[in-house]
Amino acid sequence: MSDRVLSKIVSLHAPGRDVLPAYVRALEAGWSPNTMRDVAPEQLAAIAADPDAFLSGLTARGGKIRLHDGSEVDRLPDIIRWIIATDRPGRPFVGSINLRWQEDDAGRPVTELPPHVLGHVGYTVLPNHAGNGYASAALAAVLAEARTVGLPFIKITCDAENAASRRIIEKNGGCFVESFVAPFYGPEERLMYRIELQS
């Protein structure tokens, strides 16, 4: 599938009320926007309690996030986008993608990441929509946002066994850097890629 075709199959949206019902249905079906831990139950509870506060929390800066081991860390500056399939009837919600980075004391983006963050970008597509190019198209769109933020490159990782994710990253210009193990997340081998954002 060409880049031109990919750019026409998805649209990225900031989390909002218009897509929230579809997002809730995905959570109820067992999907989680976090690949490191299942956040569906806590997100469903937060949405039920106050949907507007939930949405504001997804787009606000600052605060804390809870990691898979229960510890809390400062939330990095980030951009969360919901992936909408524009090539399907009804333009369904098909997943989520986010970009995160650190900033220096002057508020400028830096490329280093804390140890608990494996890469600048994370994404997940609902299982029944996988294999249709949505993750590739969403990653291409988020790379444009990373350029706007001012990052010169991004680091992105995947499990060594995840051939589909490797293809998505490589299709978007990812160059293999190294294989590694992140003990905080377990003994599995992971692959690190780098995508240059400056021409």
C-alpha atoms as a PDB file:
ATOM      1  CA  MET A   1       0.000   0.000   0.000  1.00  0.00           C
ATOM      2  CA  SER A   2       1.492   3.368  -1.037  1.00  0.00           C
ATOM      3  CA  ASP A   3       2.058   6.270   1.353  1.00  0.00           C
ATOM      4  CA  ARG A   4      -0.560   8.222  -0.573  1.00  0.00           C
ATOM      5  CA  VAL A   5      -3.155   5.521  -0.027  1.00  0.00           C
ATOM      6  CA  LEU A   6      -2.176   5.142   3.654  1.00  0.00           C
ATOM      7  CA  SER A   7      -2.694   8.854   4.274  1.00  0.00           C
ATOM      8  CA  LYS A   8      -6.308   8.470   3.118  1.00  0.00           C
ATOM      9  CA  ILE A   9      -7.336   5.536   5.289  1.00  0.00           C
ATOM     10  CA  VAL A  10      -7.049   7.113   8.739  1.00  0.00           C
ATOM     11  CA  SER A  11      -7.712  10.353  10.501  1.00  0.00           C
ATOM     12  CA  LEU A  12      -6.207  11.140  13.901  1.00  0.00           C
ATOM     13  CA  HIS A  13      -8.374  12.900  16.474  1.00  0.00           C
ATOM     14  CA  ALA A  14      -7.684  14.397  19.861  1.00  0.00           C
ATOM     15  CA  PRO A  15      -9.786  12.496  22.404  1.00  0.00           C
ATOM     16  CA  GLY A  16     -13.297  13.937  22.363  1.00  0.00           C
ATOM     17  CA  ARG A  17     -16.956  13.342  23.119  1.00  0.00           C
ATOM     18  CA  ASP A  18     -17.778  12.474  19.499  1.00  0.00           C
ATOM     19  CA  VAL A  19     -15.629   9.318  19.533  1.00  0.00           C
ATOM     20  CA  LEU A  20     -15.987   8.491  23.235  1.00  0.00           C
ATOM     21  CA  PRO A  21     -18.872   5.975  22.836  1.00  0.00           C
ATOM     22  CA  ALA A  22     -16.814   3.919  20.365  1.00  0.00           C
ATOM     23  CA  TYR A  23     -13.795   4.166  22.673  1.00  0.00           C
ATOM     24  CA  VAL A  24     -15.914   2.863  25.556  1.00  0.00           C
ATOM     25  CA  ARG A  25     -17.155  -0.069  23.443  1.00  0.00           C
ATOM     26  CA  ALA A  26     -13.546  -0.985  22.637  1.00  0.00           C
ATOM     27  CA  LEU A  27     -12.608  -0.891  26.328  1.00  0.00           C
ATOM     28  CA  GLU A  28     -15.646  -2.998  27.225  1.00  0.00           C
ATOM     29  CA  ALA A  29     -14.601  -5.574  24.614  1.00  0.00           C
ATOM     30  CA  GLY A  30     -11.235  -6.011  26.362  1.00  0.00           C
ATOM     31  CA  TRP A  31      -8.989  -3.655  24.361  1.00  0.00           C
ATOM     32  CA  SER A  32      -6.518  -1.463  26.263  1.00  0.00           C
ATOM     33  CA  PRO A  33      -4.733   1.639  24.925  1.00  0.00           C
ATOM     34  CA  ASN A  34      -1.761   0.730  27.121  1.00  0.00           C
ATOM     35  CA  THR A  35       0.320  -2.198  25.876  1.00  0.00           C
ATOM     36  CA  MET A  36       2.146  -2.632  29.191  1.00  0.00           C
ATOM     37  CA  ARG A  37      -0.894  -3.084  31.418  1.00  0.00           C
ATOM     38  CA  ASP A  38      -4.662  -3.351  31.094  1.00  0.00           C
ATOM     39  CA  VAL A  39      -6.057   0.094  31.887  1.00  0.00           C
ATOM     40  CA  ALA A  40      -9.564  -0.663  30.558  1.00  0.00           C
ATOM     41  CA  PRO A  41     -11.253  -1.172  33.969  1.00  0.00           C
ATOM     42  CA  GLU A  42      -9.893   2.043  35.485  1.00  0.00           C
ATOM     43  CA  GLN A  43     -10.642   4.055  32.339  1.00  0.00           C
ATOM     44  CA  LEU A  44     -14.210   2.722  32.188  1.00  0.00           C
ATOM     45  CA  ALA A  45     -14.696   3.694  35.838  1.00  0.00           C
ATOM     46  CA  ALA A  46     -13.289   7.181  35.202  1.00  0.00           C
ATOM     47  CA  ILE A  47     -15.518   7.681  32.152  1.00  0.00           C
ATOM     48  CA  ALA A  48     -18.594   6.525  34.088  1.00  0.00           C
ATOM     49  CA  ALA A  49     -17.771   8.930  36.931  1.00  0.00           C
ATOM     50  CA  ASP A  50     -17.068  12.006  34.796  1.00  0.00           C
ATOM     51  CA  PRO A  51     -16.523  11.700  31.031  1.00  0.00           C
ATOM     52  CA  ASP A  52     -15.447  15.317  30.613  1.00  0.00           C
ATOM     53  CA  ALA A  53     -12.836  15.015  33.374  1.00  0.00           C
ATOM     54  CA  PHE A  54     -11.567  11.796  31.766  1.00  0.00           C
ATOM     55  CA  LEU A  55     -11.152  13.502  28.395  1.00  0.00           C
ATOM     56  CA  SER A  56      -9.498  16.536  29.982  1.00  0.00           C
ATOM     57  CA  GLY A  57      -7.097  14.225  31.778  1.00  0.00           C
ATOM     58  CA  LEU A  58      -6.024  12.632  28.497  1.00  0.00           C
ATOM     59  CA  THR A  59      -5.151  15.966  26.945  1.00  0.00           C
ATOM     60  CA  ALA A  60      -3.858  17.869  30.005  1.00  0.00           C
ATOM     61  CA  ARG A  61      -0.204  18.357  30.782  1.00  0.00           C
ATOM     62  CA  GLY A  62       1.446  17.311  34.010  1.00  0.00           C
ATOM     63  CA  GLY A  63       0.231  15.043  36.741  1.00  0.00           C
ATOM     64  CA  LYS A  64       1.196  11.470  37.488  1.00  0.00           C
ATOM     65  CA  ILE A  65       0.758   8.138  35.747  1.00  0.00           C
ATOM     66  CA  ARG A  66       0.731   4.687  37.315  1.00  0.00           C
ATOM     67  CA  LEU A  67       3.101   2.064  35.936  1.00  0.00           C
ATOM     68  CA  HIS A  68       2.460  -1.685  35.712  1.00  0.00           C
ATOM     69  CA  ASP A  69       4.211  -2.270  39.056  1.00  0.00           C
ATOM     70  CA  GLY A  70       1.936   0.202  40.844  1.00  0.00           C
ATOM     71  CA  SER A  71       4.531   2.972  41.176  1.00  0.00           C
ATOM     72  CA  GLU A  72       3.692   6.505  40.085  1.00  0.00           C
ATOM     73  CA  VAL A  73       5.882   8.775  37.966  1.00  0.00           C
ATOM     74  CA  ASP A  74       5.545  12.236  36.483  1.00  0.00           C
ATOM     75  CA  ARG A  75       3.649  12.232  33.229  1.00  0.00           C
ATOM     76  CA  LEU A  76       5.752  13.316  30.276  1.00  0.00           C
ATOM     77  CA  PRO A  77       4.570  15.917  27.777  1.00  0.00           C
ATOM     78  CA  ASP A  78       2.562  13.930  25.271  1.00  0.00           C
ATOM     79  CA  ILE A  79       0.052  13.907  22.463  1.00  0.00           C
ATOM     80  CA  ILE A  80      -2.676  11.253  22.411  1.00  0.00           C
ATOM     81  CA  ARG A  81      -4.591  10.618  19.204  1.00  0.00           C
ATOM     82  CA  TRP A  82      -7.506   8.302  18.516  1.00  0.00           C
ATOM     83  CA  ILE A  83      -7.303   6.514  15.169  1.00  0.00           C
ATOM     84  CA  ILE A  84     -10.393   6.687  12.948  1.00  0.00           C
ATOM     85  CA  ALA A  85     -10.655   4.508   9.825  1.00  0.00           C
ATOM     86  CA  THR A  86     -11.812   6.820   7.052  1.00  0.00           C
ATOM     87  CA  ASP A  87     -11.985   3.989   4.514  1.00  0.00           C
ATOM     88  CA  ARG A  88     -14.754   2.107   6.365  1.00  0.00           C
ATOM     89  CA  PRO A  89     -18.486   2.827   6.558  1.00  0.00           C
ATOM     90  CA  GLY A  90     -19.278   4.830   9.652  1.00  0.00           C
ATOM     91  CA  ARG A  91     -15.630   5.832  10.101  1.00  0.00           C
ATOM     92  CA  PRO A  92     -15.035   3.492  13.073  1.00  0.00           C
ATOM     93  CA  PHE A  93     -12.642   4.007  15.955  1.00  0.00           C
ATOM     94  CA  VAL A  94      -9.793   1.501  15.388  1.00  0.00           C
ATOM     95  CA  GLY A  95      -7.109   2.330  17.949  1.00  0.00           C
ATOM     96  CA  SER A  96      -4.898   4.807  19.705  1.00  0.00           C
ATOM     97  CA  ILE A  97      -1.421   6.258  19.221  1.00  0.00           C
ATOM     98  CA  ASN A  98       0.635   8.562  21.404  1.00  0.00           C
ATOM     99  CA  LEU A  99       3.812  10.584  21.229  1.00  0.00           C
ATOM    100  CA  ARG A 100       5.783  11.425  24.382  1.00  0.00           C
ATOM    101  CA  TRP A 101       9.016  13.275  25.025  1.00  0.00           C
ATOM    102  CA  GLN A 102      11.005  15.046  27.732  1.00  0.00           C
ATOM    103  CA  GLU A 103      11.799  18.745  27.882  1.00  0.00           C
ATOM    104  CA  ASP A 104      14.742  20.694  29.222  1.00  0.00           C
ATOM    105  CA  ASP A 105      14.413  23.496  31.791  1.00  0.00           C
ATOM    106  CA  ALA A 106      13.582  25.954  29.008  1.00  0.00           C
ATOM    107  CA  GLY A 107      10.738  23.775  27.709  1.00  0.00           C
ATOM    108  CA  ARG A 108      12.590  22.546  24.623  1.00  0.00           C
ATOM    109  CA  PRO A 109      12.145  18.891  23.613  1.00  0.00           C
ATOM    110  CA  VAL A 110      15.024  16.518  24.248  1.00  0.00           C
ATOM    111  CA  THR A 111      15.379  13.024  22.818  1.00  0.00           C
ATOM    112  CA  GLU A 112      16.397  11.196  25.997  1.00  0.00           C
ATOM    113  CA  LEU A 113      13.684   9.226  27.738  1.00  0.00           C
ATOM    114  CA  PRO A 114      13.411   7.973  31.330  1.00  0.00           C
ATOM    115  CA  PRO A 115      14.069   4.254  31.916  1.00  0.00           C
ATOM    116  CA  HIS A 116      10.377   3.376  32.246  1.00  0.00           C
ATOM    117  CA  VAL A 117       9.607   4.748  28.757  1.00  0.00           C
ATOM    118  CA  LEU A 118      10.674   2.384  25.984  1.00  0.00           C
ATOM    119  CA  GLY A 119      10.144   4.773  23.068  1.00  0.00           C
ATOM    120  CA  HIS A 120       8.707   8.087  21.933  1.00  0.00           C
ATOM    121  CA  VAL A 121       5.695   6.481  20.250  1.00  0.00           C
ATOM    122  CA  GLY A 122       3.276   3.790  21.345  1.00  0.00           C
ATOM    123  CA  TYR A 123       0.268   2.541  19.415  1.00  0.00           C
ATOM    124  CA  THR A 124      -2.321  -0.183  19.529  1.00  0.00           C
ATOM    125  CA  VAL A 125      -5.030  -1.149  17.063  1.00  0.00           C
ATOM    126  CA  LEU A 126      -8.155  -3.129  17.897  1.00  0.00           C
ATOM    127  CA  PRO A 127      -7.581  -6.787  16.947  1.00  0.00           C
ATOM    128  CA  ASN A 128     -10.471  -6.894  14.464  1.00  0.00           C
ATOM    129  CA  HIS A 129      -8.935  -3.942  12.568  1.00  0.00           C
ATOM    130  CA  ALA A 130      -5.310  -5.153  12.546  1.00  0.00           C
ATOM    131  CA  GLY A 131      -3.586  -5.799   9.242  1.00  0.00           C
ATOM    132  CA  ASN A 132      -5.340  -3.032   7.301  1.00  0.00           C
ATOM    133  CA  GLY A 133      -2.543  -0.440   7.339  1.00  0.00           C
ATOM    134  CA  TYR A 134      -4.099   1.705  10.083  1.00  0.00           C
ATOM    135  CA  ALA A 135      -1.088   1.581  12.417  1.00  0.00           C
ATOM    136  CA  SER A 136       1.293   2.435   9.547  1.00  0.00           C
ATOM    137  CA  ALA A 137      -0.819   5.408   8.521  1.00  0.00           C
ATOM    138  CA  ALA A 138      -1.216   6.587  12.121  1.00  0.00           C
ATOM    139  CA  LEU A 139       2.528   6.357  12.753  1.00  0.00           C
ATOM    140  CA  ALA A 140       3.233   8.404   9.606  1.00  0.00           C
ATOM    141  CA  ALA A 141       0.821  11.084  10.825  1.00  0.00           C
ATOM    142  CA  VAL A 142       2.338  11.165  14.318  1.00  0.00           C
ATOM    143  CA  LEU A 143       5.832  11.561  12.851  1.00  0.00           C
ATOM    144  CA  ALA A 144       4.611  14.820  11.329  1.00  0.00           C
ATOM    145  CA  GLU A 145       3.470  15.917  14.807  1.00  0.00           C
ATOM    146  CA  ALA A 146       6.872  14.942  16.246  1.00  0.00           C
ATOM    147  CA  ARG A 147       8.535  17.228  13.686  1.00  0.00           C
ATOM    148  CA  THR A 148       6.228  20.049  14.756  1.00  0.00           C
ATOM    149  CA  VAL A 149       7.152  19.450  18.410  1.00  0.00           C
ATOM    150  CA  GLY A 150      10.808  19.843  17.388  1.00  0.00           C
ATOM    151  CA  LEU A 151      12.184  16.346  17.867  1.00  0.00           C
ATOM    152  CA  PRO A 152      15.059  15.579  15.459  1.00  0.00           C
ATOM    153  CA  PHE A 153      14.345  11.843  15.616  1.00  0.00           C
ATOM    154  CA  ILE A 154      12.266   9.387  17.555  1.00  0.00           C
ATOM    155  CA  LYS A 155      13.081   6.066  19.149  1.00  0.00           C
ATOM    156  CA  ILE A 156      10.449   3.373  18.809  1.00  0.00           C
ATOM    157  CA  THR A 157      10.515  -0.193  20.076  1.00  0.00           C
ATOM    158  CA  CYS A 158       8.648  -3.439  19.615  1.00  0.00           C
ATOM    159  CA  ASP A 159       8.807  -6.975  20.933  1.00  0.00           C
ATOM    160  CA  ALA A 160      11.295  -9.065  18.972  1.00  0.00           C
ATOM    161  CA  GLU A 161       8.519 -11.544  18.115  1.00  0.00           C
ATOM    162  CA  ASN A 162       6.179  -8.873  16.753  1.00  0.00           C
ATOM    163  CA  ALA A 163       6.844  -9.092  13.016  1.00  0.00           C
ATOM    164  CA  ALA A 164       3.844  -6.900  12.160  1.00  0.00           C
ATOM    165  CA  SER A 165       5.101  -4.051  14.335  1.00  0.00           C
ATOM    166  CA  ARG A 166       8.585  -4.372  12.851  1.00  0.00           C
ATOM    167  CA  ARG A 167       7.099  -3.960   9.358  1.00  0.00           C
ATOM    168  CA  ILE A 168       5.107  -0.906  10.449  1.00  0.00           C
ATOM    169  CA  ILE A 169       8.203   0.762  11.902  1.00  0.00           C
ATOM    170  CA  GLU A 170      10.423  -0.095   8.933  1.00  0.00           C
ATOM    171  CA  LYS A 171       7.777   1.106   6.467  1.00  0.00           C
ATOM    172  CA  ASN A 172       7.952   4.487   8.215  1.00  0.00           C
ATOM    173  CA  GLY A 173      11.734   4.770   7.918  1.00  0.00           C
ATOM    174  CA  GLY A 174      12.760   2.977  11.089  1.00  0.00           C
ATOM    175  CA  CYS A 175      16.407   1.915  11.145  1.00  0.00           C
ATOM    176  CA  PHE A 176      17.304  -0.908  13.514  1.00  0.00           C
ATOM    177  CA  VAL A 177      19.560   0.219  16.374  1.00  0.00           C
ATOM    178  CA  GLU A 178      19.801  -2.694  18.800  1.00  0.00           C
ATOM    179  CA  SER A 179      18.076  -5.538  20.556  1.00  0.00           C
ATOM    180  CA  PHE A 180      17.764  -5.158  24.315  1.00  0.00           C
ATOM    181  CA  VAL A 181      15.992  -6.330  27.437  1.00  0.00           C
ATOM    182  CA  ALA A 182      14.156  -3.873  29.688  1.00  0.00           C
ATOM    183  CA  PRO A 183      14.212  -5.664  33.067  1.00  0.00           C
ATOM    184  CA  PHE A 184      11.511  -3.365  34.447  1.00  0.00           C
ATOM    185  CA  TYR A 185       9.107  -4.874  31.897  1.00  0.00           C
ATOM    186  CA  GLY A 186      10.332  -8.477  31.950  1.00  0.00           C
ATOM    187  CA  PRO A 187      12.878 -10.737  30.270  1.00  0.00           C
ATOM    188  CA  GLU A 188      11.534 -10.497  26.706  1.00  0.00           C
ATOM    189  CA  GLU A 189      13.846  -9.328  23.953  1.00  0.00           C
ATOM    190  CA  ARG A 190      12.875  -6.016  22.384  1.00  0.00           C
ATOM    191  CA  LEU A 191      14.054  -4.201  19.287  1.00  0.00           C
ATOM    192  CA  MET A 192      14.980  -0.521  19.196  1.00  0.00           C
ATOM    193  CA  TYR A 193      14.556   1.536  16.009  1.00  0.00           C
ATOM    194  CA  ARG A 194      15.299   5.142  15.201  1.00  0.00           C
ATOM    195  CA  ILE A 195      13.356   7.268  12.725  1.00  0.00           C
ATOM    196  CA  GLU A 196      15.032  10.451  11.541  1.00  0.00           C
ATOM    197  CA  LEU A 197      12.703  13.443  11.320  1.00  0.00           C
ATOM    198  CA  GLN A 198      14.994  16.034   9.745  1.00  0.00           C
ATOM    199  CA  SER A 199      15.877  15.935   6.063  1.00  0.00           C
END
